[in-house]
Amino acid sequence: MIESLISSKTRIKLLLKFFLNPDVTAYLRGLAEEFGESTNAVRVELNRLCSAGFLEEVPEQGRKRTFRACKTHPLFPELQRIVRKVLGIDQVVEGIVERLGSVRLALITGDYAHGIDSGIIDLVLVGEVDRQYLGGLIEIVEGMIARKIRALVLTPEEYETLRGTLCPEESLFVWGERDEMLREQVRDAG
């Protein structure tokens, strides 16, 4: 679908990488290796996206040119929504989280949180969830988005116990009490 709008496959991969999780940073050679593309092809597209203001270079990362999404660009929120729709994350949220009732927090972890479309979405749900109903919803949504969903359901108590192993900086927040999650990060850091 997005391929008909944006003709460069490398540009699409870069947009997916940086706008799925805007906290992701990556350097030229690492991107070329990850995408299976030449460094020149990746460099050309990085330069185009930087010139347009969609990406920015991270200041002084040694000899490596490191890039990230430019969160201050006026189109940043819209691009992020488009990327999430292309990958089906919006359908995961709408199709699963909103229908389950008492979900306190939903996070994407794993490859998708790092901006890699591996075909498997790791979803962490915190709350009181009907696991049988969740299984049925996951099957439906998987068919719609053509990706596998692995869900980990935690009660609030289990989340408190395991919170240290679920690195928030390596998770993509998609639903719930973001302020609560941020308060927990600050509390842990202090």
N, C-alpha and C. Protein backbone atom coordinates (compact mmCIF):
# COMPACT_ATOMS: atom_id res chain seq x y z
N MET A 1 0.81 -1.19 0.00
CA MET A 1 0.00 0.00 0.00
C MET A 1 0.87 1.26 0.00
N ILE A 2 1.79 1.38 0.94
CA ILE A 2 2.63 2.57 1.00
C ILE A 2 3.62 2.61 -0.17
N GLU A 3 3.88 1.42 -0.75
CA GLU A 3 4.82 1.34 -1.87
C GLU A 3 4.31 2.12 -3.08
N SER A 4 2.99 2.24 -3.23
CA SER A 4 2.45 3.00 -4.35
C SER A 4 2.58 4.50 -4.12
N LEU A 5 2.72 4.92 -2.88
CA LEU A 5 2.87 6.33 -2.56
C LEU A 5 4.34 6.74 -2.53
N ILE A 6 5.19 5.89 -1.97
CA ILE A 6 6.63 6.16 -1.88
C ILE A 6 7.34 5.08 -2.68
N SER A 7 8.03 5.49 -3.75
CA SER A 7 8.60 4.50 -4.67
C SER A 7 9.90 3.87 -4.18
N SER A 8 10.63 4.53 -3.31
CA SER A 8 11.91 4.01 -2.84
C SER A 8 11.70 3.04 -1.67
N LYS A 9 12.06 1.78 -1.88
CA LYS A 9 11.93 0.79 -0.81
C LYS A 9 12.85 1.13 0.38
N THR A 10 14.02 1.67 0.08
CA THR A 10 14.94 2.06 1.15
C THR A 10 14.34 3.19 1.98
N ARG A 11 13.72 4.15 1.32
CA ARG A 11 13.09 5.26 2.05
C ARG A 11 11.96 4.74 2.94
N ILE A 12 11.19 3.80 2.44
CA ILE A 12 10.11 3.20 3.24
C ILE A 12 10.69 2.53 4.48
N LYS A 13 11.76 1.75 4.28
CA LYS A 13 12.38 1.06 5.42
C LYS A 13 12.89 2.06 6.45
N LEU A 14 13.47 3.16 5.98
CA LEU A 14 13.98 4.18 6.91
C LEU A 14 12.84 4.85 7.68
N LEU A 15 11.76 5.17 6.99
CA LEU A 15 10.61 5.78 7.67
C LEU A 15 10.03 4.84 8.71
N LEU A 16 9.90 3.56 8.36
CA LEU A 16 9.39 2.57 9.31
C LEU A 16 10.32 2.46 10.51
N LYS A 17 11.61 2.41 10.24
CA LYS A 17 12.61 2.26 11.30
C LYS A 17 12.55 3.42 12.30
N PHE A 18 12.54 4.65 11.78
CA PHE A 18 12.66 5.80 12.67
C PHE A 18 11.33 6.32 13.21
N PHE A 19 10.24 6.08 12.52
CA PHE A 19 8.98 6.65 12.98
C PHE A 19 8.11 5.66 13.74
N LEU A 20 8.42 4.39 13.71
CA LEU A 20 7.69 3.44 14.56
C LEU A 20 8.00 3.76 16.02
N ASN A 21 9.27 3.86 16.33
CA ASN A 21 9.71 4.25 17.67
C ASN A 21 10.69 5.40 17.51
N PRO A 22 10.27 6.62 17.76
CA PRO A 22 11.11 7.78 17.49
C PRO A 22 12.34 7.89 18.39
N ASP A 23 12.46 7.05 19.40
CA ASP A 23 13.64 7.08 20.25
C ASP A 23 14.78 6.25 19.68
N VAL A 24 14.52 5.55 18.59
CA VAL A 24 15.55 4.72 17.95
C VAL A 24 16.59 5.62 17.28
N THR A 25 17.85 5.27 17.47
CA THR A 25 18.93 5.90 16.71
C THR A 25 19.64 4.79 15.95
N ALA A 26 20.20 5.15 14.82
CA ALA A 26 20.91 4.14 14.02
C ALA A 26 21.98 4.84 13.18
N TYR A 27 23.00 4.08 12.85
CA TYR A 27 24.06 4.66 12.03
C TYR A 27 24.05 4.02 10.65
N LEU A 28 24.68 4.70 9.71
CA LEU A 28 24.64 4.36 8.30
C LEU A 28 24.97 2.90 8.01
N ARG A 29 26.11 2.43 8.43
CA ARG A 29 26.52 1.06 8.11
C ARG A 29 25.60 0.03 8.76
N GLY A 30 25.15 0.30 9.97
CA GLY A 30 24.22 -0.61 10.63
C GLY A 30 22.90 -0.71 9.88
N LEU A 31 22.43 0.42 9.36
CA LEU A 31 21.19 0.42 8.57
C LEU A 31 21.38 -0.35 7.27
N ALA A 32 22.51 -0.13 6.61
CA ALA A 32 22.78 -0.83 5.35
C ALA A 32 22.80 -2.34 5.58
N GLU A 33 23.44 -2.75 6.65
CA GLU A 33 23.50 -4.18 6.98
C GLU A 33 22.11 -4.73 7.33
N GLU A 34 21.36 -4.01 8.14
CA GLU A 34 20.02 -4.44 8.55
C GLU A 34 19.08 -4.57 7.35
N PHE A 35 19.16 -3.62 6.41
CA PHE A 35 18.27 -3.61 5.25
C PHE A 35 18.77 -4.48 4.10
N GLY A 36 20.04 -4.91 4.17
CA GLY A 36 20.61 -5.67 3.05
C GLY A 36 20.78 -4.79 1.82
N GLU A 37 21.12 -3.53 2.04
CA GLU A 37 21.28 -2.55 0.96
C GLU A 37 22.72 -2.04 0.97
N SER A 38 23.10 -1.39 -0.11
CA SER A 38 24.44 -0.79 -0.15
C SER A 38 24.45 0.45 0.73
N THR A 39 25.62 0.78 1.27
CA THR A 39 25.72 1.98 2.11
C THR A 39 25.39 3.23 1.29
N ASN A 40 25.73 3.22 0.01
CA ASN A 40 25.44 4.39 -0.83
C ASN A 40 23.93 4.60 -0.98
N ALA A 41 23.17 3.53 -1.21
CA ALA A 41 21.71 3.64 -1.36
C ALA A 41 21.08 4.18 -0.07
N VAL A 42 21.56 3.69 1.06
CA VAL A 42 21.04 4.16 2.35
C VAL A 42 21.44 5.61 2.59
N ARG A 43 22.70 5.95 2.26
CA ARG A 43 23.20 7.31 2.45
C ARG A 43 22.36 8.32 1.65
N VAL A 44 22.06 7.99 0.40
CA VAL A 44 21.27 8.88 -0.45
C VAL A 44 19.91 9.16 0.19
N GLU A 45 19.24 8.11 0.66
CA GLU A 45 17.92 8.30 1.26
C GLU A 45 17.99 9.00 2.61
N LEU A 46 19.02 8.71 3.40
CA LEU A 46 19.20 9.43 4.67
C LEU A 46 19.38 10.92 4.41
N ASN A 47 20.20 11.25 3.40
CA ASN A 47 20.42 12.66 3.07
C ASN A 47 19.13 13.34 2.62
N ARG A 48 18.32 12.64 1.84
CA ARG A 48 17.04 13.21 1.39
C ARG A 48 16.11 13.46 2.58
N LEU A 49 16.02 12.48 3.46
CA LEU A 49 15.13 12.62 4.62
C LEU A 49 15.64 13.69 5.60
N CYS A 50 16.96 13.83 5.70
CA CYS A 50 17.54 14.89 6.54
C CYS A 50 17.28 16.26 5.91
N SER A 51 17.46 16.36 4.60
CA SER A 51 17.22 17.64 3.90
C SER A 51 15.77 18.08 4.05
N ALA A 52 14.85 17.12 4.06
CA ALA A 52 13.43 17.44 4.22
C ALA A 52 13.08 17.73 5.68
N GLY A 53 14.02 17.45 6.58
CA GLY A 53 13.78 17.72 8.00
C GLY A 53 13.11 16.60 8.76
N PHE A 54 12.89 15.44 8.11
CA PHE A 54 12.23 14.32 8.78
C PHE A 54 13.18 13.58 9.72
N LEU A 55 14.47 13.56 9.37
CA LEU A 55 15.49 12.94 10.21
C LEU A 55 16.51 13.99 10.59
N GLU A 56 17.23 13.72 11.67
CA GLU A 56 18.31 14.61 12.07
C GLU A 56 19.50 13.76 12.50
N GLU A 57 20.67 14.37 12.35
CA GLU A 57 21.88 13.68 12.78
C GLU A 57 22.06 13.88 14.28
N VAL A 58 22.42 12.80 14.97
CA VAL A 58 22.68 12.88 16.41
C VAL A 58 24.05 13.50 16.59
N PRO A 59 24.16 14.52 17.43
CA PRO A 59 25.45 15.19 17.60
C PRO A 59 26.54 14.24 18.12
N GLU A 60 27.69 14.34 17.52
CA GLU A 60 28.93 13.67 17.95
C GLU A 60 28.78 12.27 18.52
N GLN A 61 28.76 11.31 17.65
CA GLN A 61 28.75 9.90 18.03
C GLN A 61 30.05 9.25 17.54
N GLY A 62 31.15 9.93 17.76
CA GLY A 62 32.42 9.41 17.26
C GLY A 62 32.50 9.59 15.76
N ARG A 63 33.02 8.58 15.08
CA ARG A 63 33.16 8.66 13.62
C ARG A 63 31.90 8.22 12.90
N LYS A 64 30.98 7.62 13.61
CA LYS A 64 29.75 7.12 12.98
C LYS A 64 28.74 8.26 12.83
N ARG A 65 28.12 8.34 11.66
CA ARG A 65 27.01 9.27 11.46
C ARG A 65 25.75 8.57 11.96
N THR A 66 25.20 9.07 13.03
CA THR A 66 24.03 8.46 13.65
C THR A 66 22.82 9.36 13.44
N PHE A 67 21.67 8.73 13.18
CA PHE A 67 20.46 9.46 12.83
C PHE A 67 19.30 9.08 13.75
N ARG A 68 18.31 9.97 13.80
CA ARG A 68 17.07 9.72 14.53
C ARG A 68 15.96 10.55 13.89
N ALA A 69 14.72 10.23 14.25
CA ALA A 69 13.58 11.00 13.75
C ALA A 69 13.62 12.40 14.37
N CYS A 70 13.24 13.38 13.59
CA CYS A 70 13.16 14.76 14.09
C CYS A 70 11.77 14.97 14.67
N LYS A 71 11.68 14.91 15.99
CA LYS A 71 10.39 15.00 16.67
C LYS A 71 9.77 16.39 16.59
N THR A 72 10.57 17.38 16.21
CA THR A 72 10.04 18.75 16.14
C THR A 72 9.49 19.09 14.76
N HIS A 73 9.63 18.19 13.79
CA HIS A 73 9.09 18.45 12.45
C HIS A 73 7.57 18.54 12.55
N PRO A 74 6.95 19.50 11.86
CA PRO A 74 5.49 19.66 11.96
C PRO A 74 4.70 18.42 11.52
N LEU A 75 5.26 17.60 10.65
CA LEU A 75 4.55 16.41 10.18
C LEU A 75 4.89 15.15 10.99
N PHE A 76 5.71 15.29 12.02
CA PHE A 76 6.12 14.13 12.80
C PHE A 76 4.94 13.30 13.30
N PRO A 77 3.94 13.89 13.97
CA PRO A 77 2.83 13.06 14.48
C PRO A 77 2.08 12.33 13.38
N GLU A 78 1.89 12.99 12.24
CA GLU A 78 1.17 12.36 11.14
C GLU A 78 1.97 11.21 10.54
N LEU A 79 3.28 11.41 10.37
CA LEU A 79 4.12 10.33 9.84
C LEU A 79 4.13 9.14 10.79
N GLN A 80 4.17 9.40 12.06
CA GLN A 80 4.16 8.30 13.03
C GLN A 80 2.84 7.54 12.96
N ARG A 81 1.73 8.24 12.81
CA ARG A 81 0.43 7.57 12.68
C ARG A 81 0.37 6.73 11.40
N ILE A 82 0.91 7.26 10.31
CA ILE A 82 0.92 6.51 9.05
C ILE A 82 1.73 5.24 9.20
N VAL A 83 2.91 5.34 9.79
CA VAL A 83 3.77 4.16 9.98
C VAL A 83 3.06 3.12 10.83
N ARG A 84 2.42 3.54 11.89
CA ARG A 84 1.71 2.59 12.76
C ARG A 84 0.55 1.93 12.01
N LYS A 85 -0.11 2.68 11.14
CA LYS A 85 -1.20 2.09 10.35
C LYS A 85 -0.65 1.09 9.34
N VAL A 86 0.46 1.44 8.69
CA VAL A 86 1.05 0.53 7.71
C VAL A 86 1.43 -0.79 8.36
N LEU A 87 2.00 -0.73 9.56
CA LEU A 87 2.43 -1.94 10.25
C LEU A 87 1.30 -2.64 10.99
N GLY A 88 0.15 -2.00 11.08
CA GLY A 88 -1.00 -2.62 11.73
C GLY A 88 -1.06 -2.42 13.22
N ILE A 89 -0.18 -1.61 13.77
CA ILE A 89 -0.18 -1.42 15.22
C ILE A 89 -1.46 -0.73 15.68
N ASP A 90 -2.00 0.17 14.84
CA ASP A 90 -3.25 0.82 15.22
C ASP A 90 -4.37 -0.21 15.35
N GLN A 91 -4.35 -1.23 14.48
CA GLN A 91 -5.37 -2.28 14.55
C GLN A 91 -5.17 -3.17 15.78
N VAL A 92 -3.91 -3.39 16.16
CA VAL A 92 -3.64 -4.16 17.37
C VAL A 92 -4.26 -3.43 18.56
N VAL A 93 -4.00 -2.14 18.64
CA VAL A 93 -4.51 -1.36 19.77
C VAL A 93 -6.03 -1.35 19.76
N GLU A 94 -6.63 -1.01 18.61
CA GLU A 94 -8.09 -0.95 18.54
C GLU A 94 -8.72 -2.32 18.71
N GLY A 95 -8.14 -3.32 18.06
CA GLY A 95 -8.75 -4.64 18.05
C GLY A 95 -8.57 -5.44 19.32
N ILE A 96 -7.56 -5.16 20.07
CA ILE A 96 -7.30 -5.95 21.28
C ILE A 96 -7.51 -5.13 22.54
N VAL A 97 -6.76 -4.07 22.69
CA VAL A 97 -6.73 -3.36 23.96
C VAL A 97 -8.07 -2.74 24.33
N GLU A 98 -8.70 -2.06 23.38
CA GLU A 98 -9.94 -1.35 23.71
C GLU A 98 -11.08 -2.29 24.07
N ARG A 99 -11.04 -3.53 23.66
CA ARG A 99 -12.14 -4.47 23.90
C ARG A 99 -11.93 -5.37 25.11
N LEU A 100 -10.81 -5.23 25.76
CA LEU A 100 -10.50 -6.15 26.86
C LEU A 100 -10.93 -5.66 28.23
N GLY A 101 -11.32 -4.43 28.33
CA GLY A 101 -11.77 -3.95 29.62
C GLY A 101 -10.70 -3.24 30.42
N SER A 102 -10.25 -3.86 31.47
CA SER A 102 -9.38 -3.22 32.45
C SER A 102 -7.90 -3.34 32.09
N VAL A 103 -7.49 -2.70 31.00
CA VAL A 103 -6.07 -2.70 30.63
C VAL A 103 -5.46 -1.41 31.14
N ARG A 104 -4.46 -1.54 31.98
CA ARG A 104 -3.80 -0.38 32.58
C ARG A 104 -2.69 0.15 31.69
N LEU A 105 -2.00 -0.75 31.00
CA LEU A 105 -0.84 -0.36 30.21
C LEU A 105 -0.63 -1.37 29.09
N ALA A 106 -0.27 -0.89 27.91
CA ALA A 106 0.08 -1.78 26.79
C ALA A 106 1.37 -1.26 26.18
N LEU A 107 2.32 -2.17 26.01
CA LEU A 107 3.63 -1.83 25.46
C LEU A 107 3.96 -2.79 24.32
N ILE A 108 4.65 -2.28 23.33
CA ILE A 108 5.24 -3.13 22.30
C ILE A 108 6.72 -3.26 22.68
N THR A 109 7.22 -4.48 22.71
CA THR A 109 8.64 -4.71 23.02
C THR A 109 9.26 -5.46 21.85
N GLY A 110 10.52 -5.79 21.96
CA GLY A 110 11.17 -6.59 20.92
C GLY A 110 11.51 -5.78 19.68
N ASP A 111 11.50 -6.47 18.53
CA ASP A 111 11.93 -5.87 17.27
C ASP A 111 11.15 -4.62 16.90
N TYR A 112 9.85 -4.66 17.03
CA TYR A 112 9.03 -3.50 16.64
C TYR A 112 9.38 -2.27 17.46
N ALA A 113 9.68 -2.44 18.72
CA ALA A 113 10.06 -1.31 19.56
C ALA A 113 11.38 -0.71 19.11
N HIS A 114 12.18 -1.50 18.40
CA HIS A 114 13.45 -1.01 17.86
C HIS A 114 13.33 -0.56 16.41
N GLY A 115 12.10 -0.56 15.88
CA GLY A 115 11.88 -0.10 14.52
C GLY A 115 12.16 -1.14 13.46
N ILE A 116 12.14 -2.41 13.82
CA ILE A 116 12.41 -3.50 12.87
C ILE A 116 11.11 -4.27 12.63
N ASP A 117 10.70 -4.34 11.37
CA ASP A 117 9.49 -5.08 11.01
C ASP A 117 9.85 -6.55 10.80
N SER A 118 9.84 -7.32 11.88
CA SER A 118 10.23 -8.73 11.82
C SER A 118 9.04 -9.64 11.52
N GLY A 119 7.84 -9.08 11.56
CA GLY A 119 6.65 -9.89 11.34
C GLY A 119 6.06 -10.45 12.63
N ILE A 120 6.72 -10.20 13.75
CA ILE A 120 6.22 -10.64 15.05
C ILE A 120 6.12 -9.43 15.97
N ILE A 121 4.93 -9.19 16.49
CA ILE A 121 4.70 -8.08 17.40
C ILE A 121 4.62 -8.64 18.82
N ASP A 122 5.53 -8.20 19.68
CA ASP A 122 5.52 -8.59 21.08
C ASP A 122 4.75 -7.54 21.87
N LEU A 123 3.62 -7.96 22.43
CA LEU A 123 2.71 -7.05 23.12
C LEU A 123 2.65 -7.41 24.59
N VAL A 124 2.88 -6.43 25.46
CA VAL A 124 2.76 -6.63 26.90
C VAL A 124 1.53 -5.87 27.37
N LEU A 125 0.61 -6.58 28.00
CA LEU A 125 -0.62 -5.98 28.53
C LEU A 125 -0.60 -6.09 30.04
N VAL A 126 -0.89 -5.00 30.71
CA VAL A 126 -0.96 -4.99 32.17
C VAL A 126 -2.39 -4.68 32.58
N GLY A 127 -2.98 -5.58 33.33
CA GLY A 127 -4.36 -5.38 33.78
C GLY A 127 -5.05 -6.71 33.99
N GLU A 128 -6.33 -6.64 34.22
CA GLU A 128 -7.15 -7.84 34.39
C GLU A 128 -7.77 -8.15 33.03
N VAL A 129 -7.30 -9.22 32.39
CA VAL A 129 -7.67 -9.53 31.01
C VAL A 129 -8.21 -10.95 30.92
N ASP A 130 -9.27 -11.12 30.16
CA ASP A 130 -9.82 -12.44 29.86
C ASP A 130 -8.91 -13.06 28.79
N ARG A 131 -8.06 -13.98 29.20
CA ARG A 131 -7.04 -14.54 28.29
C ARG A 131 -7.66 -15.33 27.14
N GLN A 132 -8.76 -15.99 27.37
CA GLN A 132 -9.41 -16.74 26.30
C GLN A 132 -9.95 -15.78 25.24
N TYR A 133 -10.59 -14.72 25.67
CA TYR A 133 -11.10 -13.71 24.75
C TYR A 133 -9.94 -13.06 24.00
N LEU A 134 -8.85 -12.79 24.70
CA LEU A 134 -7.66 -12.21 24.09
C LEU A 134 -7.14 -13.11 22.97
N GLY A 135 -7.09 -14.42 23.21
CA GLY A 135 -6.62 -15.37 22.19
C GLY A 135 -7.44 -15.28 20.91
N GLY A 136 -8.75 -15.18 21.05
CA GLY A 136 -9.62 -15.05 19.88
C GLY A 136 -9.40 -13.74 19.14
N LEU A 137 -9.25 -12.65 19.89
CA LEU A 137 -8.99 -11.35 19.26
C LEU A 137 -7.66 -11.34 18.52
N ILE A 138 -6.66 -11.95 19.13
CA ILE A 138 -5.34 -11.99 18.50
C ILE A 138 -5.42 -12.71 17.16
N GLU A 139 -6.12 -13.83 17.12
CA GLU A 139 -6.27 -14.56 15.85
C GLU A 139 -6.89 -13.68 14.77
N ILE A 140 -7.92 -12.95 15.12
CA ILE A 140 -8.60 -12.08 14.16
C ILE A 140 -7.66 -10.98 13.67
N VAL A 141 -7.00 -10.31 14.60
CA VAL A 141 -6.12 -9.20 14.24
C VAL A 141 -4.92 -9.70 13.44
N GLU A 142 -4.37 -10.87 13.79
CA GLU A 142 -3.25 -11.42 13.02
C GLU A 142 -3.63 -11.61 11.56
N GLY A 143 -4.84 -12.08 11.32
CA GLY A 143 -5.31 -12.25 9.95
C GLY A 143 -5.42 -10.92 9.22
N MET A 144 -5.84 -9.88 9.94
CA MET A 144 -6.01 -8.56 9.34
C MET A 144 -4.69 -7.91 8.98
N ILE A 145 -3.67 -8.07 9.84
CA ILE A 145 -2.41 -7.35 9.63
C ILE A 145 -1.29 -8.22 9.07
N ALA A 146 -1.55 -9.51 8.89
CA ALA A 146 -0.56 -10.45 8.34
C ALA A 146 0.75 -10.43 9.14
N ARG A 147 0.62 -10.39 10.46
CA ARG A 147 1.76 -10.47 11.35
C ARG A 147 1.37 -11.31 12.56
N LYS A 148 2.35 -11.92 13.19
CA LYS A 148 2.13 -12.74 14.39
C LYS A 148 2.18 -11.83 15.61
N ILE A 149 1.29 -12.07 16.56
CA ILE A 149 1.28 -11.30 17.80
C ILE A 149 1.55 -12.25 18.96
N ARG A 150 2.57 -11.92 19.74
CA ARG A 150 2.86 -12.66 20.97
C ARG A 150 2.48 -11.74 22.13
N ALA A 151 1.52 -12.16 22.92
CA ALA A 151 1.04 -11.32 24.01
C ALA A 151 1.49 -11.88 25.36
N LEU A 152 1.97 -11.01 26.20
CA LEU A 152 2.30 -11.33 27.58
C LEU A 152 1.34 -10.52 28.44
N VAL A 153 0.51 -11.22 29.21
CA VAL A 153 -0.47 -10.55 30.07
C VAL A 153 0.04 -10.61 31.50
N LEU A 154 0.11 -9.45 32.12
CA LEU A 154 0.57 -9.36 33.50
C LEU A 154 -0.49 -8.66 34.35
N THR A 155 -0.67 -9.15 35.55
CA THR A 155 -1.50 -8.41 36.50
C THR A 155 -0.67 -7.21 36.95
N PRO A 156 -1.29 -6.20 37.53
CA PRO A 156 -0.50 -5.07 38.03
C PRO A 156 0.58 -5.51 39.03
N GLU A 157 0.28 -6.52 39.81
CA GLU A 157 1.26 -7.01 40.78
C GLU A 157 2.44 -7.68 40.07
N GLU A 158 2.15 -8.49 39.05
CA GLU A 158 3.23 -9.13 38.29
C GLU A 158 4.08 -8.09 37.57
N TYR A 159 3.42 -7.06 37.05
CA TYR A 159 4.15 -5.98 36.38
C TYR A 159 5.11 -5.30 37.35
N GLU A 160 4.64 -5.03 38.57
CA GLU A 160 5.50 -4.41 39.57
C GLU A 160 6.73 -5.26 39.82
N THR A 161 6.54 -6.59 39.87
CA THR A 161 7.65 -7.51 40.12
C THR A 161 8.62 -7.54 38.94
N LEU A 162 8.08 -7.54 37.71
CA LEU A 162 8.91 -7.70 36.51
C LEU A 162 9.30 -6.38 35.85
N ARG A 163 8.84 -5.27 36.38
CA ARG A 163 9.05 -3.97 35.74
C ARG A 163 10.51 -3.70 35.40
N GLY A 164 11.41 -4.10 36.26
CA GLY A 164 12.83 -3.87 36.02
C GLY A 164 13.37 -4.59 34.80
N THR A 165 12.76 -5.72 34.44
CA THR A 165 13.23 -6.47 33.27
C THR A 165 12.61 -5.98 31.97
N LEU A 166 11.53 -5.18 32.06
CA LEU A 166 10.89 -4.61 30.87
C LEU A 166 11.38 -3.18 30.71
N CYS A 167 12.54 -3.01 30.12
CA CYS A 167 13.16 -1.70 29.99
C CYS A 167 12.24 -0.72 29.26
N PRO A 168 11.73 0.31 29.95
CA PRO A 168 10.82 1.26 29.32
C PRO A 168 11.45 1.98 28.13
N GLU A 169 12.75 2.23 28.20
CA GLU A 169 13.41 2.92 27.08
C GLU A 169 13.52 2.03 25.85
N GLU A 170 13.30 0.72 26.01
CA GLU A 170 13.32 -0.20 24.87
C GLU A 170 11.92 -0.71 24.56
N SER A 171 10.92 -0.03 25.09
CA SER A 171 9.53 -0.39 24.85
C SER A 171 8.83 0.75 24.15
N LEU A 172 7.82 0.40 23.38
CA LEU A 172 7.03 1.40 22.67
C LEU A 172 5.68 1.49 23.37
N PHE A 173 5.42 2.62 24.01
CA PHE A 173 4.17 2.83 24.73
C PHE A 173 3.04 2.96 23.71
N VAL A 174 1.95 2.18 23.87
CA VAL A 174 0.83 2.27 22.93
C VAL A 174 -0.51 2.53 23.61
N TRP A 175 -0.61 2.34 24.90
CA TRP A 175 -1.92 2.49 25.53
C TRP A 175 -1.77 2.60 27.03
N GLY A 176 -2.64 3.36 27.65
CA GLY A 176 -2.75 3.33 29.09
C GLY A 176 -2.22 4.54 29.79
N GLU A 177 -1.76 4.30 30.97
CA GLU A 177 -1.35 5.36 31.87
C GLU A 177 0.13 5.67 31.70
N ARG A 178 0.43 6.44 30.65
CA ARG A 178 1.82 6.79 30.37
C ARG A 178 2.44 7.54 31.55
N ASP A 179 1.67 8.41 32.18
CA ASP A 179 2.19 9.14 33.32
C ASP A 179 2.62 8.19 34.43
N GLU A 180 1.85 7.12 34.62
CA GLU A 180 2.18 6.12 35.64
C GLU A 180 3.50 5.45 35.29
N MET A 181 3.67 5.10 34.01
CA MET A 181 4.90 4.44 33.57
C MET A 181 6.10 5.38 33.78
N LEU A 182 5.94 6.67 33.45
CA LEU A 182 7.02 7.63 33.60
C LEU A 182 7.34 7.87 35.07
N ARG A 183 6.31 7.92 35.91
CA ARG A 183 6.55 8.08 37.35
C ARG A 183 7.38 6.91 37.89
N GLU A 184 7.07 5.71 37.40
CA GLU A 184 7.80 4.53 37.85
C GLU A 184 9.26 4.61 37.42
N GLN A 185 9.51 5.12 36.20
CA GLN A 185 10.89 5.27 35.73
C GLN A 185 11.65 6.24 36.62
N VAL A 186 11.04 7.38 36.94
CA VAL A 186 11.68 8.38 37.78
C VAL A 186 11.94 7.82 39.16
N ARG A 187 10.95 7.10 39.71
CA ARG A 187 11.10 6.51 41.04
C ARG A 187 12.27 5.52 41.06
N ASP A 188 12.40 4.73 39.99
CA ASP A 188 13.48 3.75 39.93
C ASP A 188 14.84 4.41 39.77
N ALA A 189 14.89 5.52 39.05
CA ALA A 189 16.16 6.20 38.81
C ALA A 189 16.66 6.91 40.07
N GLY A 190 15.73 7.30 40.95
CA GLY A 190 16.09 8.09 42.13
C GLY A 190 16.50 7.29 43.28
